[in-house]
Amino acid sequence: MKISRIGILILVLITIFSATSCNYYSRIMARKNLVDGAKAYNDKQFADAEEKFRSSIAFDPELGSFESKTAQLFLARTIHSEFAINRDKQEKAGQAIDEYQKALKGFLIDLKEKREAVKSKPQDPKVQKELEQTEEQIGSIIAAVGSLYTNLNQEDKWLEWQTTQAANEALPNETRATAYVSLAAKKYSCANDITDVEAIKKTVKEDGKDVFKFVKPESEGDFDKLKECVQKGTEYISKAVELNPESDSAWSYKASLIEQNRRVADMEGEDDKRTSLKAEFDKAKEQFKVLAEKREKEEMEKARKEEEEKAKKAGKKSKAENAPTTDGK
């Protein structure tokens, strides 16, 4: 049976209209379930919230869409909260990790789009703010997964996760730097566990003052482990500072690892090296103080602006409530 050109056109239009209507309905339902899930989450009705977020994802499974990635992230946080309430439910931690990793994929798609938007409109504060928000969400996801691996005592998976994220050039520099700081912190703890004990850390008199003198561990294996931890920790923290020189946390661990290097130099009788490292330590410590003070001021300013915004909203609400009605009452 032949179909006229007009008939074909009508058939195509019906198909397009049906698909558009279906997509519109799905998007509306995805958003409704997302809003309902958020309300349930805020009310700590986690089982209901989990169901709503899963429904939202089912209606809009497109990985990078606003509803999909947001629902995926909220689903992960909901399951994470359920685990936090009862740490015996370790299967919840595993589920949360899986959902966080799915959410990360969506936010990485969004990150790419936001970066392109900033390139197109570099002077637009709204576009820049949206990029910063996406970067913050990515950082929170990566931190949450790392925290869950630690809670599960899965150190190998924690190490693999942090190492992978630190090396991932698709991620924001600040996020990668944070991962390197976490890796450096582990190596610092490894070194400090060896050097900060009475058998190694001796108090001696120097120019009439009590100072610490560090001696080699009796075990050659412990000494090799110490040097390995200091070396790797120094490599990690150097990369962190390079990626985010404004991180006070990175500079704090840089100073701490320089101090561990000084202890190794002391053990090996390298007095000149120990002296030069002291100058590096002082410089890193001072930079940490400057950045920590700067961050504290920024946080105080941010809190002040948030309070002002809340006051403005409260004032507008009060005016609206006291406004006369249309009937003059």
Protein backbone atom coordinates (compact mmCIF):
# COMPACT_ATOMS: atom_id res chain seq x y z
CA MET A 1 0.00 0.00 0.00
CA LYS A 2 1.39 3.37 -1.05
CA ILE A 3 1.40 6.30 1.32
CA SER A 4 1.13 9.83 -0.01
CA ARG A 5 3.75 12.46 0.78
CA ILE A 6 1.22 14.24 2.98
CA GLY A 7 0.54 10.97 4.80
CA ILE A 8 4.25 10.45 5.41
CA LEU A 9 4.59 14.01 6.71
CA ILE A 10 1.66 13.50 9.08
CA LEU A 11 3.16 10.21 10.31
CA VAL A 12 6.54 11.87 10.96
CA LEU A 13 4.90 14.77 12.81
CA ILE A 14 2.88 12.37 14.97
CA THR A 15 6.06 10.42 15.80
CA ILE A 16 7.98 13.59 16.70
CA PHE A 17 5.10 14.94 18.78
CA SER A 18 4.71 11.63 20.63
CA ALA A 19 8.44 11.43 21.36
CA THR A 20 8.54 15.07 22.49
CA SER A 21 5.50 14.58 24.72
CA CYS A 22 7.00 11.43 26.17
CA ASN A 23 10.35 13.15 26.85
CA TYR A 24 8.59 16.14 28.41
CA TYR A 25 6.52 13.89 30.68
CA SER A 26 9.60 11.89 31.69
CA ARG A 27 11.54 15.04 32.52
CA ILE A 28 8.64 16.42 34.57
CA MET A 29 8.31 13.15 36.51
CA ALA A 30 12.07 12.97 37.02
CA ARG A 31 12.06 16.46 38.52
CA LYS A 32 8.98 15.74 40.69
CA ASN A 33 10.58 12.62 42.15
CA LEU A 34 13.81 14.55 42.67
CA VAL A 35 12.00 17.26 44.65
CA ASP A 36 9.99 14.70 46.63
CA GLY A 37 13.15 12.73 47.35
CA ALA A 38 14.96 15.84 48.59
CA LYS A 39 12.09 16.58 50.98
CA ALA A 40 12.13 13.00 52.28
CA TYR A 41 15.91 13.20 52.70
CA ASN A 42 15.67 16.44 54.68
CA ASP A 43 13.01 14.80 56.87
CA LYS A 44 15.42 11.86 57.38
CA GLN A 45 12.96 9.49 55.71
CA PHE A 46 15.81 7.75 53.96
CA ALA A 47 13.96 4.67 52.65
CA ASP A 48 11.37 6.92 50.99
CA ALA A 49 14.08 9.25 49.69
CA GLU A 50 16.00 6.33 48.18
CA GLU A 51 12.86 5.13 46.38
CA LYS A 52 12.11 8.62 45.00
CA PHE A 53 15.64 9.20 43.76
CA ARG A 54 15.70 5.82 42.02
CA SER A 55 12.40 6.71 40.34
CA SER A 56 13.81 10.05 39.22
CA ILE A 57 16.79 8.29 37.60
CA ALA A 58 14.49 5.76 35.92
CA PHE A 59 12.46 8.57 34.33
CA ASP A 60 15.59 10.40 33.16
CA PRO A 61 18.58 8.05 32.81
CA GLU A 62 20.55 10.49 30.61
CA LEU A 63 23.93 10.57 32.35
CA GLY A 64 24.75 14.27 32.18
CA SER A 65 21.29 15.81 32.61
CA PHE A 66 20.60 17.97 35.66
CA GLU A 67 17.90 15.67 37.06
CA SER A 68 19.87 12.48 36.45
CA LYS A 69 23.21 13.54 37.93
CA THR A 70 21.57 15.32 40.87
CA ALA A 71 19.30 12.38 41.69
CA GLN A 72 22.27 10.02 41.38
CA LEU A 73 24.30 12.12 43.82
CA PHE A 74 21.39 12.43 46.26
CA LEU A 75 20.82 8.67 46.05
CA ALA A 76 24.46 8.07 46.98
CA ARG A 77 24.23 10.51 49.89
CA THR A 78 21.02 8.91 51.10
CA ILE A 79 22.56 5.43 51.19
CA HIS A 80 25.70 6.92 52.77
CA SER A 81 23.51 8.42 55.51
CA GLU A 82 21.88 5.05 56.12
CA PHE A 83 25.33 3.53 56.61
CA ALA A 84 26.37 6.38 58.90
CA ILE A 85 23.38 5.66 61.15
CA ASN A 86 24.24 1.97 61.40
CA ARG A 87 27.86 1.07 60.62
CA ASP A 88 27.00 -2.63 60.85
CA LYS A 89 25.22 -2.31 57.49
CA GLN A 90 28.43 -2.44 55.51
CA GLU A 91 26.56 -3.43 52.36
CA LYS A 92 25.14 0.11 52.41
CA ALA A 93 28.66 1.53 52.23
CA GLY A 94 29.38 -0.58 49.17
CA GLN A 95 26.13 0.54 47.54
CA ALA A 96 26.91 4.18 48.29
CA ILE A 97 30.34 3.85 46.67
CA ASP A 98 28.75 2.40 43.52
CA GLU A 99 26.19 5.24 43.33
CA TYR A 100 28.82 7.91 43.99
CA GLN A 101 30.91 6.54 41.12
CA LYS A 102 27.89 6.67 38.80
CA ALA A 103 27.22 10.25 39.90
CA LEU A 104 30.85 11.17 39.23
CA LYS A 105 30.48 10.13 35.58
CA GLY A 106 27.53 12.49 35.18
CA PHE A 107 29.30 15.39 36.85
CA LEU A 108 32.40 14.89 34.69
CA ILE A 109 30.20 15.30 31.62
CA ASP A 110 28.76 18.43 33.21
CA LEU A 111 32.28 19.67 34.04
CA LYS A 112 33.31 19.47 30.41
CA GLU A 113 30.22 21.45 29.36
CA LYS A 114 30.74 24.08 32.07
CA ARG A 115 34.37 24.56 31.05
CA GLU A 116 33.29 25.15 27.46
CA ALA A 117 30.69 27.64 28.67
CA VAL A 118 33.35 29.58 30.60
CA LYS A 119 35.55 29.68 27.50
CA SER A 120 32.64 31.14 25.53
CA LYS A 121 31.68 33.63 28.25
CA PRO A 122 34.79 34.22 30.41
CA GLN A 123 33.39 37.42 31.92
CA ASP A 124 30.01 35.97 32.92
CA PRO A 125 29.96 35.53 36.75
CA LYS A 126 26.94 33.20 36.58
CA VAL A 127 28.71 30.79 34.24
CA GLN A 128 31.84 30.90 36.40
CA LYS A 129 29.79 30.22 39.52
CA GLU A 130 28.14 27.20 37.90
CA LEU A 131 31.57 25.80 37.02
CA GLU A 132 32.77 26.27 40.60
CA GLN A 133 29.68 24.50 41.95
CA THR A 134 30.26 21.53 39.65
CA GLU A 135 33.91 21.36 40.73
CA GLU A 136 32.85 21.42 44.40
CA GLN A 137 30.39 18.57 43.84
CA ILE A 138 33.10 16.48 42.15
CA GLY A 139 35.44 17.12 45.06
CA SER A 140 32.77 16.09 47.56
CA ILE A 141 32.06 12.86 45.66
CA ILE A 142 35.72 11.85 45.57
CA ALA A 143 36.16 12.65 49.26
CA ALA A 144 33.03 10.67 50.18
CA VAL A 145 34.23 7.55 48.34
CA GLY A 146 37.63 7.80 50.02
CA SER A 147 35.96 8.15 53.41
CA LEU A 148 33.81 5.07 52.80
CA TYR A 149 36.80 2.94 51.80
CA THR A 150 38.48 4.03 55.05
CA ASN A 151 35.35 3.16 57.06
CA LEU A 152 35.39 -0.30 55.48
CA ASN A 153 39.12 -0.69 56.25
CA GLN A 154 39.75 -1.31 52.55
CA GLU A 155 43.14 0.40 52.44
CA ASP A 156 44.14 -1.11 49.09
CA LYS A 157 40.98 0.23 47.42
CA TRP A 158 41.45 3.59 49.17
CA LEU A 159 44.99 3.83 47.82
CA GLU A 160 43.90 2.84 44.31
CA TRP A 161 41.04 5.36 44.39
CA GLN A 162 43.15 8.29 45.60
CA THR A 163 46.02 7.49 43.24
CA THR A 164 43.66 7.28 40.27
CA GLN A 165 41.94 10.58 41.10
CA ALA A 166 45.24 12.36 41.75
CA ALA A 167 46.49 11.36 38.29
CA ASN A 168 43.21 12.12 36.48
CA GLU A 169 43.90 15.24 34.40
CA ALA A 170 40.18 15.60 33.61
CA LEU A 171 39.54 16.58 37.22
CA PRO A 172 39.91 20.12 38.61
CA ASN A 173 43.42 20.88 39.86
CA GLU A 174 42.13 21.53 43.38
CA THR A 175 40.48 18.10 43.49
CA ARG A 176 43.62 16.36 42.29
CA ALA A 177 45.68 18.33 44.82
CA THR A 178 43.40 17.18 47.63
CA ALA A 179 43.93 13.56 46.58
CA TYR A 180 47.70 14.08 46.59
CA VAL A 181 47.47 15.65 50.06
CA SER A 182 45.59 12.55 51.29
CA LEU A 183 48.31 10.31 49.88
CA ALA A 184 51.04 12.49 51.40
CA ALA A 185 49.27 12.46 54.77
CA LYS A 186 49.43 8.64 54.83
CA LYS A 187 53.15 8.71 54.12
CA TYR A 188 53.71 11.37 56.76
CA SER A 189 51.92 9.21 59.36
CA CYS A 190 54.05 6.24 58.29
CA ALA A 191 57.24 8.26 58.83
CA ASN A 192 56.13 9.91 62.06
CA ASP A 193 55.14 6.56 63.59
CA ILE A 194 58.80 5.56 63.26
CA THR A 195 60.52 8.81 64.30
CA ASP A 196 58.24 10.08 67.06
CA VAL A 197 59.07 7.46 69.69
CA GLU A 198 61.39 7.62 72.71
CA ALA A 199 63.89 5.14 71.25
CA ILE A 200 64.45 7.44 68.25
CA LYS A 201 63.64 10.94 69.55
CA LYS A 202 66.23 11.90 72.19
CA THR A 203 66.33 15.13 74.22
CA VAL A 204 69.83 16.62 74.38
CA LYS A 205 71.42 19.92 75.42
CA GLU A 206 72.57 22.22 72.63
CA ASP A 207 73.85 25.73 73.47
CA GLY A 208 72.24 25.33 76.87
CA LYS A 209 68.82 24.48 75.42
CA ASP A 210 66.88 21.23 75.24
CA VAL A 211 66.61 20.06 71.63
CA PHE A 212 65.62 16.82 69.96
CA LYS A 213 68.23 14.56 68.45
CA PHE A 214 67.13 11.69 66.21
CA VAL A 215 68.96 8.37 66.01
CA LYS A 216 68.60 5.56 63.49
CA PRO A 217 66.14 2.78 64.27
CA GLU A 218 67.87 -0.44 65.30
CA SER A 219 66.04 -2.26 62.53
CA GLU A 220 67.49 -1.57 59.08
CA GLY A 221 64.08 -2.48 57.68
CA ASP A 222 62.44 0.30 59.73
CA PHE A 223 65.01 2.80 58.49
CA ASP A 224 64.41 1.81 54.86
CA LYS A 225 60.67 2.09 55.41
CA LEU A 226 61.13 5.54 56.95
CA LYS A 227 63.13 6.79 53.96
CA GLU A 228 60.61 5.34 51.51
CA CYS A 229 57.68 7.01 53.29
CA VAL A 230 59.48 10.36 53.42
CA GLN A 231 60.48 10.16 49.75
CA LYS A 232 57.00 9.21 48.47
CA GLY A 233 55.30 11.67 50.79
CA THR A 234 57.55 14.46 49.53
CA GLU A 235 56.75 13.54 45.90
CA TYR A 236 53.01 13.57 46.60
CA ILE A 237 53.00 16.88 48.47
CA SER A 238 55.17 18.56 45.83
CA LYS A 239 52.56 17.65 43.21
CA ALA A 240 49.78 18.91 45.49
CA VAL A 241 51.45 22.30 45.93
CA GLU A 242 52.13 22.52 42.20
CA LEU A 243 48.46 21.86 41.38
CA ASN A 244 47.06 24.11 44.10
CA PRO A 245 49.62 26.52 45.58
CA GLU A 246 46.82 28.22 47.54
CA SER A 247 46.07 25.13 49.65
CA ASP A 248 47.00 25.71 53.28
CA SER A 249 46.59 21.98 53.92
CA ALA A 250 49.16 21.16 51.24
CA TRP A 251 51.67 23.62 52.72
CA SER A 252 51.06 22.23 56.20
CA TYR A 253 51.99 18.71 55.10
CA LYS A 254 54.88 20.07 53.05
CA ALA A 255 56.33 21.58 56.23
CA SER A 256 55.68 18.34 58.15
CA LEU A 257 57.42 16.21 55.53
CA ILE A 258 60.38 18.58 55.39
CA GLU A 259 60.67 18.03 59.13
CA GLN A 260 60.71 14.26 58.56
CA ASN A 261 63.47 14.79 55.98
CA ARG A 262 65.41 16.76 58.62
CA ARG A 263 65.08 13.84 61.02
CA VAL A 264 66.50 11.44 58.43
CA ALA A 265 69.40 13.85 57.79
CA ASP A 266 70.00 13.99 61.55
CA MET A 267 70.11 10.19 61.70
CA GLU A 268 72.66 10.09 58.88
CA GLY A 269 74.82 12.86 60.39
CA GLU A 270 74.24 15.26 57.48
CA ASP A 271 74.38 18.50 59.45
CA ASP A 272 74.58 20.81 56.41
CA LYS A 273 71.51 19.21 54.86
CA ARG A 274 69.69 19.39 58.16
CA THR A 275 70.43 23.16 58.35
CA SER A 276 69.25 23.86 54.79
CA LEU A 277 66.10 21.85 55.40
CA LYS A 278 65.41 23.98 58.47
CA ALA A 279 65.24 27.06 56.21
CA GLU A 280 62.84 25.23 53.87
CA PHE A 281 60.73 24.16 56.83
CA ASP A 282 60.45 27.74 58.13
CA LYS A 283 59.43 28.99 54.68
CA ALA A 284 56.74 26.30 54.24
CA LYS A 285 55.42 26.87 57.76
CA GLU A 286 55.14 30.62 57.14
CA GLN A 287 53.31 30.04 53.86
CA PHE A 288 50.89 27.74 55.65
CA LYS A 289 50.15 30.41 58.25
CA VAL A 290 49.52 33.08 55.60
CA LEU A 291 47.15 30.85 53.62
CA ALA A 292 45.36 29.57 56.74
CA GLU A 293 44.67 33.14 57.86
CA LYS A 294 43.48 34.04 54.35
CA ARG A 295 41.11 31.06 54.27
CA GLU A 296 39.75 31.91 57.71
CA LYS A 297 38.96 35.47 56.59
CA GLU A 298 37.30 34.19 53.41
CA GLU A 299 35.15 31.77 55.41
CA MET A 300 34.14 34.53 57.82
CA GLU A 301 33.23 36.81 54.91
CA LYS A 302 31.24 34.02 53.27
CA ALA A 303 29.35 33.35 56.50
CA ARG A 304 28.63 37.08 56.88
CA LYS A 305 27.20 37.31 53.37
CA GLU A 306 25.06 34.21 53.95
CA GLU A 307 23.65 35.75 57.13
CA GLU A 308 22.90 38.99 55.26
CA GLU A 309 21.14 37.03 52.52
CA LYS A 310 19.06 35.15 55.10
CA ALA A 311 18.12 38.43 56.77
CA LYS A 312 17.07 39.91 53.42
CA LYS A 313 14.91 36.90 52.62
CA ALA A 314 13.35 36.99 56.08
CA GLY A 315 12.64 40.71 55.65
CA LYS A 316 10.99 40.18 52.27
CA LYS A 317 8.87 37.37 53.69
CA SER A 318 7.81 39.56 56.62
CA LYS A 319 6.81 42.40 54.28
CA ALA A 320 4.82 40.01 52.12
CA GLU A 321 2.97 38.61 55.14
CA ASN A 322 2.11 42.12 56.39
CA ALA A 323 1.13 43.48 52.97
CA PRO A 324 -2.56 44.49 52.64
CA THR A 325 -4.79 42.10 50.73
CA THR A 326 -6.74 43.05 47.59
CA ASP A 327 -9.95 43.31 49.60
CA GLY A 328 -8.41 46.03 51.80
CA LYS A 329 -8.11 43.83 54.93
